[in-house]
């Protein structure tokens, strides 16, 4: 394992294919980024028999051919045969595991219906012993197809993990500034889609020589970090989940606070004094984000620290009461909205 500083990684060329991944002169079988933001919320996803996961929604603009589903995953529109699907999952539902001798619909109340799924879209139709039953998708937690088997190995492609839960196979990957260019073969067709992802959206990349079950590594050193192979806990609303991680006490009793937002948090202060800390923003976040951390007390703004500024420290005079921290998105929206206060110390004023 080779650790590359972010500044070096962002200044060196990236090239990846099924034979390996390289960043500048460093070469290997996998690439992993620390998670710079909370996972983005996803609505629903289809899971393919080869292990890929495609968050998105059915495309209802045109009727699908019998035995297929028209699925839109971000900018990609594809027609997938039901025989290529492993499962469909609703918001926050894990992919079903194991094999079945029939298709299975699991309802949100826990009931299951086994049979043959014949139509899939805003409703799901299943044939049960010659009788047809139709369910609205809002009543369904998951659909598992009889073809569900262990993920097969796909040779000649890279597997890419994305922060919205997507698992995508690509023929190649290359960095273009703050974007990654992927050539993605569209499942069940001979087309290749030129997909573009922001560099901070990609959690990891691995060649076929590694496990296809998941990129088994920590995105942070903390035990509470989200793994790249896990879907994690998803918010019911679009956007990213506001999180405050606090660690400490550390050096000289200092604390470390990691803000992920947008969101707001408060800190009680019991005496007159000064709040002092270092201000850290991941380099790759600084390239794509333009958010700010605002510090207030009693409605008065004490500091506003822009993600793209050269500010590397914070010092604000505070009084007894509550100090509020708010992470506010910029014109780019809540992209990479994260900031860290390291060695955060409250210094009491002399009596």
Protein backbone atom coordinates (compact mmCIF):
# COMPACT_ATOMS: atom_id res chain seq x y z
CA UNK A 1 0.00 0.00 0.00
CA UNK A 2 1.33 3.43 -0.97
CA UNK A 3 -0.09 6.63 0.56
CA UNK A 4 0.06 9.64 -1.74
CA UNK A 5 -0.54 13.19 -0.42
CA UNK A 6 -3.63 14.73 -1.97
CA UNK A 7 -1.70 17.65 -3.44
CA UNK A 8 0.58 15.23 -5.30
CA UNK A 9 -2.33 13.04 -6.39
CA UNK A 10 -4.20 16.03 -7.81
CA UNK A 11 -1.17 17.29 -9.72
CA UNK A 12 -0.19 13.92 -11.22
CA UNK A 13 -1.93 12.19 -14.17
CA UNK A 14 -4.35 9.36 -13.40
CA UNK A 15 -4.72 6.42 -15.78
CA UNK A 16 -6.62 3.21 -15.11
CA UNK A 17 -7.55 0.06 -17.00
CA UNK A 18 -8.20 -3.57 -16.10
CA UNK A 19 -4.44 -4.17 -15.93
CA UNK A 20 -3.85 -1.61 -13.20
CA UNK A 21 -4.22 1.92 -11.86
CA UNK A 22 -1.49 4.55 -11.84
CA UNK A 23 -1.13 8.00 -10.29
CA UNK A 24 1.98 9.55 -11.69
CA UNK A 25 4.80 7.04 -11.17
CA UNK A 26 2.91 4.98 -8.57
CA UNK A 27 1.14 1.86 -9.88
CA UNK A 28 -1.15 -0.68 -8.25
CA UNK A 29 -4.36 -2.70 -8.42
CA UNK A 30 -6.58 -0.30 -6.50
CA UNK A 31 -7.13 3.34 -5.63
CA UNK A 32 -9.01 4.60 -2.58
CA UNK A 33 -9.88 8.09 -1.36
CA UNK A 34 -10.71 9.08 2.22
CA UNK A 35 -14.40 10.03 2.26
CA UNK A 36 -14.45 13.83 2.11
CA UNK A 37 -18.18 14.19 2.63
CA UNK A 38 -21.16 12.25 3.89
CA UNK A 39 -22.74 9.87 1.36
CA UNK A 40 -25.31 11.50 -0.87
CA UNK A 41 -28.89 10.31 -0.55
CA UNK A 42 -30.16 7.93 -3.23
CA UNK A 43 -33.73 7.14 -4.14
CA UNK A 44 -33.68 3.57 -5.48
CA UNK A 45 -31.28 1.25 -7.28
CA UNK A 46 -31.07 -1.80 -9.49
CA UNK A 47 -28.41 -4.43 -8.79
CA UNK A 48 -27.09 -6.45 -11.72
CA UNK A 49 -26.14 -10.11 -11.62
CA UNK A 50 -22.48 -9.15 -12.18
CA UNK A 51 -22.39 -7.05 -8.98
CA UNK A 52 -22.92 -3.58 -10.42
CA UNK A 53 -25.30 -1.20 -8.64
CA UNK A 54 -27.07 1.59 -10.54
CA UNK A 55 -28.95 4.16 -8.40
CA UNK A 56 -31.65 5.92 -10.40
CA UNK A 57 -35.26 5.39 -11.42
CA UNK A 58 -37.35 3.73 -14.14
CA UNK A 59 -37.69 5.85 -17.26
CA UNK A 60 -41.40 6.03 -18.10
CA UNK A 61 -41.15 8.27 -21.19
CA UNK A 62 -41.57 5.21 -23.41
CA UNK A 63 -43.08 1.81 -22.75
CA UNK A 64 -40.46 -0.86 -22.19
CA UNK A 65 -40.41 -4.02 -24.26
CA UNK A 66 -41.79 -7.09 -22.47
CA UNK A 67 -39.18 -8.65 -20.20
CA UNK A 68 -37.10 -5.44 -19.98
CA UNK A 69 -36.88 -2.25 -17.94
CA UNK A 70 -35.85 1.21 -19.11
CA UNK A 71 -33.60 2.56 -16.36
CA UNK A 72 -32.04 5.99 -15.99
CA UNK A 73 -28.92 6.15 -13.81
CA UNK A 74 -27.73 9.76 -13.78
CA UNK A 75 -27.03 10.72 -17.41
CA UNK A 76 -27.16 7.10 -18.60
CA UNK A 77 -30.38 5.68 -20.07
CA UNK A 78 -30.33 1.95 -20.67
CA UNK A 79 -32.69 -0.89 -21.48
CA UNK A 80 -32.00 -3.84 -19.21
CA UNK A 81 -33.43 -7.34 -19.59
CA UNK A 82 -34.98 -8.59 -16.36
CA UNK A 83 -32.73 -11.63 -16.71
CA UNK A 84 -29.69 -9.35 -16.14
CA UNK A 85 -31.02 -8.04 -12.81
CA UNK A 86 -30.14 -9.35 -9.41
CA UNK A 87 -32.48 -7.10 -7.44
CA UNK A 88 -34.27 -3.76 -7.13
CA UNK A 89 -34.18 -1.90 -3.82
CA UNK A 90 -36.10 1.08 -2.44
CA UNK A 91 -34.61 3.87 -0.31
CA UNK A 92 -32.26 2.61 2.38
CA UNK A 93 -32.89 -1.09 1.73
CA UNK A 94 -29.90 -3.42 1.49
CA UNK A 95 -29.57 -5.69 -1.53
CA UNK A 96 -31.14 -9.12 -0.85
CA UNK A 97 -28.67 -12.00 -0.62
CA UNK A 98 -28.80 -15.70 -1.40
CA UNK A 99 -30.45 -17.57 -4.28
CA UNK A 100 -34.11 -18.26 -4.94
CA UNK A 101 -36.09 -20.66 -7.09
CA UNK A 102 -38.61 -17.88 -7.90
CA UNK A 103 -38.72 -14.09 -8.09
CA UNK A 104 -39.57 -12.53 -4.73
CA UNK A 105 -41.25 -9.23 -3.87
CA UNK A 106 -40.69 -8.08 -0.29
CA UNK A 107 -43.25 -5.50 0.82
CA UNK A 108 -42.51 -2.72 3.29
CA UNK A 109 -44.66 -4.48 5.91
CA UNK A 110 -42.38 -7.52 5.67
CA UNK A 111 -44.72 -9.76 3.63
CA UNK A 112 -43.19 -11.63 0.68
CA UNK A 113 -44.74 -12.76 -2.61
CA UNK A 114 -42.99 -15.38 -4.76
CA UNK A 115 -43.66 -15.95 -8.45
CA UNK A 116 -42.51 -14.64 -11.85
CA UNK A 117 -42.06 -10.87 -12.29
CA UNK A 118 -43.44 -9.99 -15.73
CA UNK A 119 -43.49 -6.18 -15.65
CA UNK A 120 -41.37 -3.64 -13.81
CA UNK A 121 -41.76 0.14 -13.65
CA UNK A 122 -43.88 2.45 -11.47
CA UNK A 123 -45.71 -0.78 -10.63
CA UNK A 124 -44.43 -4.34 -10.41
CA UNK A 125 -46.48 -7.22 -11.79
CA UNK A 126 -45.88 -10.77 -10.64
CA UNK A 127 -47.48 -14.01 -11.82
CA UNK A 128 -48.30 -16.29 -8.86
CA UNK A 129 -49.50 -19.75 -9.93
CA UNK A 130 -51.27 -18.31 -12.96
CA UNK A 131 -52.82 -15.36 -11.09
CA UNK A 132 -51.47 -11.87 -11.74
CA UNK A 133 -50.85 -9.43 -8.89
CA UNK A 134 -49.70 -5.82 -9.27
CA UNK A 135 -48.07 -3.67 -6.58
CA UNK A 136 -47.31 0.06 -6.50
CA UNK A 137 -43.57 0.59 -6.09
CA UNK A 138 -44.13 2.71 -2.97
CA UNK A 139 -45.40 -0.44 -1.20
CA UNK A 140 -42.31 -2.47 -2.12
CA UNK A 141 -39.02 -2.67 -0.19
CA UNK A 142 -37.19 -4.89 -2.68
CA UNK A 143 -37.54 -7.25 -5.61
CA UNK A 144 -35.14 -10.19 -5.88
CA UNK A 145 -34.95 -12.07 -9.15
CA UNK A 146 -34.59 -15.81 -9.55
CA UNK A 147 -31.32 -15.27 -11.44
CA UNK A 148 -29.80 -13.85 -8.26
CA UNK A 149 -26.42 -15.52 -7.76
CA UNK A 150 -23.06 -14.56 -6.39
CA UNK A 151 -21.53 -11.69 -8.35
CA UNK A 152 -19.59 -12.98 -11.32
CA UNK A 153 -16.14 -11.72 -12.26
CA UNK A 154 -15.99 -9.32 -15.19
CA UNK A 155 -12.62 -9.37 -16.90
CA UNK A 156 -11.19 -6.44 -18.79
CA UNK A 157 -12.83 -3.75 -16.65
CA UNK A 158 -12.24 -1.61 -13.59
CA UNK A 159 -14.78 -1.60 -10.82
CA UNK A 160 -15.56 1.91 -9.52
CA UNK A 161 -17.30 2.75 -6.22
CA UNK A 162 -19.17 6.08 -6.10
CA UNK A 163 -20.39 7.98 -3.04
CA UNK A 164 -24.08 7.68 -3.99
CA UNK A 165 -23.90 3.88 -3.68
CA UNK A 166 -23.22 3.18 -7.35
CA UNK A 167 -20.89 0.32 -8.30
CA UNK A 168 -19.90 0.73 -11.96
CA UNK A 169 -17.63 -1.24 -14.28
CA UNK A 170 -15.56 0.90 -16.65
CA UNK A 171 -13.17 0.05 -19.47
CA UNK A 172 -10.87 2.90 -18.45
CA UNK A 173 -10.58 5.90 -16.17
CA UNK A 174 -8.58 9.10 -16.56
CA UNK A 175 -8.36 12.33 -14.59
CA UNK A 176 -9.24 15.58 -16.34
CA UNK A 177 -8.71 18.40 -13.83
CA UNK A 178 -11.30 17.97 -11.09
CA UNK A 179 -13.23 15.41 -13.19
CA UNK A 180 -12.69 11.73 -13.84
CA UNK A 181 -13.49 10.47 -17.33
CA UNK A 182 -14.85 6.92 -17.40
CA UNK A 183 -15.70 4.83 -20.46
CA UNK A 184 -18.61 2.73 -19.19
CA UNK A 185 -19.98 -0.19 -21.25
CA UNK A 186 -23.77 0.02 -21.11
CA UNK A 187 -25.11 -3.31 -19.76
CA UNK A 188 -26.93 -5.55 -22.24
CA UNK A 189 -25.72 -3.49 -25.23
CA UNK A 190 -22.61 -2.87 -27.31
CA UNK A 191 -22.51 0.85 -26.45
CA UNK A 192 -19.92 2.66 -24.33
CA UNK A 193 -21.02 5.74 -22.37
CA UNK A 194 -18.47 8.52 -21.64
CA UNK A 195 -19.35 9.16 -17.99
CA UNK A 196 -17.93 12.16 -16.10
CA UNK A 197 -17.66 12.18 -12.30
CA UNK A 198 -16.23 14.77 -9.95
CA UNK A 199 -13.05 13.54 -8.35
CA UNK A 200 -14.56 13.81 -4.86
CA UNK A 201 -17.47 11.52 -5.80
CA UNK A 202 -15.27 8.46 -6.35
CA UNK A 203 -14.50 6.36 -3.26
CA UNK A 204 -12.28 3.78 -4.91
CA UNK A 205 -11.26 1.82 -7.99
CA UNK A 206 -10.10 -1.81 -8.23
CA UNK A 207 -8.98 -4.15 -10.98
CA UNK A 208 -10.54 -7.62 -11.53
CA UNK A 209 -7.62 -9.18 -9.68
CA UNK A 210 -9.13 -7.94 -6.39
CA UNK A 211 -12.35 -9.08 -4.73
CA UNK A 212 -15.47 -8.22 -6.72
CA UNK A 213 -17.60 -8.29 -3.58
CA UNK A 214 -16.48 -4.87 -2.45
CA UNK A 215 -13.61 -2.52 -1.84
CA UNK A 216 -12.91 -3.63 1.71
CA UNK A 217 -11.17 -0.67 3.27
CA UNK A 218 -11.88 2.17 5.62
CA UNK A 219 -12.56 5.59 4.19
CA UNK A 220 -11.34 7.12 7.46
CA UNK A 221 -9.28 5.86 10.38
CA UNK A 222 -12.17 6.18 12.84
CA UNK A 223 -14.16 3.03 13.61
CA UNK A 224 -17.37 4.86 12.72
CA UNK A 225 -16.25 5.54 9.15
CA UNK A 226 -18.36 4.37 6.24
CA UNK A 227 -16.88 1.54 4.17
CA UNK A 228 -16.76 1.84 0.40
CA UNK A 229 -18.46 -1.53 0.04
CA UNK A 230 -21.41 -0.53 2.24
CA UNK A 231 -24.43 1.51 1.26
CA UNK A 232 -24.41 3.03 4.74
CA UNK A 233 -27.34 4.94 6.23
CA UNK A 234 -29.10 7.11 3.69
CA UNK A 235 -31.15 10.22 4.30
CA UNK A 236 -34.75 10.23 3.09
CA UNK A 237 -34.23 13.63 1.51
CA UNK A 238 -31.91 14.64 -1.34
CA UNK A 239 -28.63 16.17 -0.29
CA UNK A 240 -25.91 15.15 2.11
CA UNK A 241 -26.38 14.23 5.75
CA UNK A 242 -25.30 16.88 8.31
CA UNK A 243 -22.71 15.30 10.61
CA UNK A 244 -20.42 16.57 13.35
CA UNK A 245 -17.61 14.21 14.41
CA UNK A 246 -15.77 15.31 17.55
CA UNK A 247 -12.57 13.62 18.74
CA UNK A 248 -10.48 14.37 21.79
CA UNK A 249 -9.23 15.47 24.15
CA UNK A 250 -5.93 15.46 22.33
CA UNK A 251 -2.78 17.50 22.60
CA UNK A 252 -2.97 19.87 25.60
CA UNK A 253 -6.64 18.97 26.01
CA UNK A 254 -7.60 20.16 22.51
CA UNK A 255 -10.53 18.80 20.49
CA UNK A 256 -10.93 18.01 16.83
CA UNK A 257 -14.26 18.74 15.10
CA UNK A 258 -15.15 17.56 11.59
CA UNK A 259 -18.19 19.33 10.10
CA UNK A 260 -20.08 17.85 7.16
CA UNK A 261 -23.13 19.72 5.97
CA UNK A 262 -24.81 21.95 5.16
CA UNK A 263 -25.96 22.12 8.77
CA UNK A 264 -25.59 23.97 12.08
CA UNK A 265 -24.20 22.97 15.46
CA UNK A 266 -23.75 24.67 18.85
CA UNK A 267 -21.08 24.73 21.55
CA UNK A 268 -21.79 25.92 25.14
CA UNK A 269 -19.34 28.44 26.59
CA UNK A 270 -19.21 28.99 30.37
CA UNK A 271 -16.85 31.96 30.67
CA UNK A 272 -15.24 34.83 28.82
CA UNK A 273 -12.39 33.64 26.63
CA UNK A 274 -11.10 32.80 23.18
CA UNK A 275 -11.75 29.88 20.81
CA UNK A 276 -8.61 28.96 18.84
CA UNK A 277 -8.11 26.24 16.22
CA UNK A 278 -6.49 25.23 12.97
CA UNK A 279 -8.80 25.21 9.92
CA UNK A 280 -8.39 22.26 7.54
CA UNK A 281 -10.09 21.58 4.20
CA UNK A 282 -9.19 18.50 2.09
CA UNK A 283 -7.30 19.60 -1.02
CA UNK A 284 -9.67 17.85 -3.43
CA UNK A 285 -12.66 19.39 -1.64
CA UNK A 286 -11.10 22.85 -1.94
CA UNK A 287 -10.88 22.36 -5.74
CA UNK A 288 -14.59 21.70 -6.27
CA UNK A 289 -16.34 23.39 -3.32
CA UNK A 290 -17.02 26.98 -2.33
CA UNK A 291 -18.81 26.65 1.02
CA UNK A 292 -18.05 28.53 4.23
CA UNK A 293 -18.04 27.90 7.98
CA UNK A 294 -19.80 30.74 9.83
CA UNK A 295 -19.25 31.23 13.57
CA UNK A 296 -21.84 33.28 15.50
CA UNK A 297 -22.78 34.15 19.06
CA UNK A 298 -26.00 35.92 20.07
CA UNK A 299 -26.75 36.56 16.41
CA UNK A 300 -23.41 38.32 15.82
CA UNK A 301 -21.07 36.86 13.20
CA UNK A 302 -17.65 36.29 14.73
CA UNK A 303 -15.95 34.67 11.74
CA UNK A 304 -16.68 33.47 8.23
CA UNK A 305 -14.11 31.02 6.85
CA UNK A 306 -14.37 30.35 3.11
CA UNK A 307 -13.29 26.91 1.91
CA UNK A 308 -11.28 28.41 -0.94
CA UNK A 309 -9.59 31.08 1.14
CA UNK A 310 -6.04 30.94 2.45
CA UNK A 311 -7.26 31.04 6.06
CA UNK A 312 -5.62 28.24 8.05
CA UNK A 313 -6.53 29.26 11.60
CA UNK A 314 -9.43 30.65 13.65
CA UNK A 315 -9.38 32.91 16.71
CA UNK A 316 -12.63 34.39 18.03
CA UNK A 317 -13.43 36.14 21.31
CA UNK A 318 -16.45 34.58 23.04
CA UNK A 319 -18.63 35.24 26.09
CA UNK A 320 -20.69 32.92 28.28
CA UNK A 321 -23.50 31.44 26.21
CA UNK A 322 -23.84 29.39 23.06
CA UNK A 323 -21.50 29.62 20.08
CA UNK A 324 -23.10 28.50 16.82
CA UNK A 325 -21.26 26.93 13.87
CA UNK A 326 -23.02 26.80 10.49
CA UNK A 327 -21.68 25.18 7.33
CA UNK A 328 -23.30 27.04 4.45
CA UNK A 329 -23.11 25.99 0.76
CA UNK A 330 -21.79 28.37 -1.86
CA UNK A 331 -22.86 28.95 -5.47
CA UNK A 332 -21.75 25.41 -6.37
CA UNK A 333 -24.27 24.04 -3.89
CA UNK A 334 -23.55 21.53 -1.11
CA UNK A 335 -20.68 19.99 -3.05
CA UNK A 336 -17.95 18.67 -0.77
CA UNK A 337 -19.36 20.71 2.10
CA UNK A 338 -16.81 19.74 4.77
CA UNK A 339 -14.45 21.57 7.10
CA UNK A 340 -12.34 20.53 10.06
CA UNK A 341 -11.29 22.44 13.16
CA UNK A 342 -8.14 20.76 14.48
CA UNK A 343 -6.59 21.52 17.88
CA UNK A 344 -9.75 23.36 18.91
CA UNK A 345 -9.07 24.96 22.30
CA UNK A 346 -11.10 27.25 24.59
CA UNK A 347 -8.80 29.61 26.46
CA UNK A 348 -10.39 31.24 29.49
CA UNK A 349 -9.74 34.93 29.92
CA UNK A 350 -7.64 35.91 32.92
CA UNK A 351 -9.75 37.03 35.94
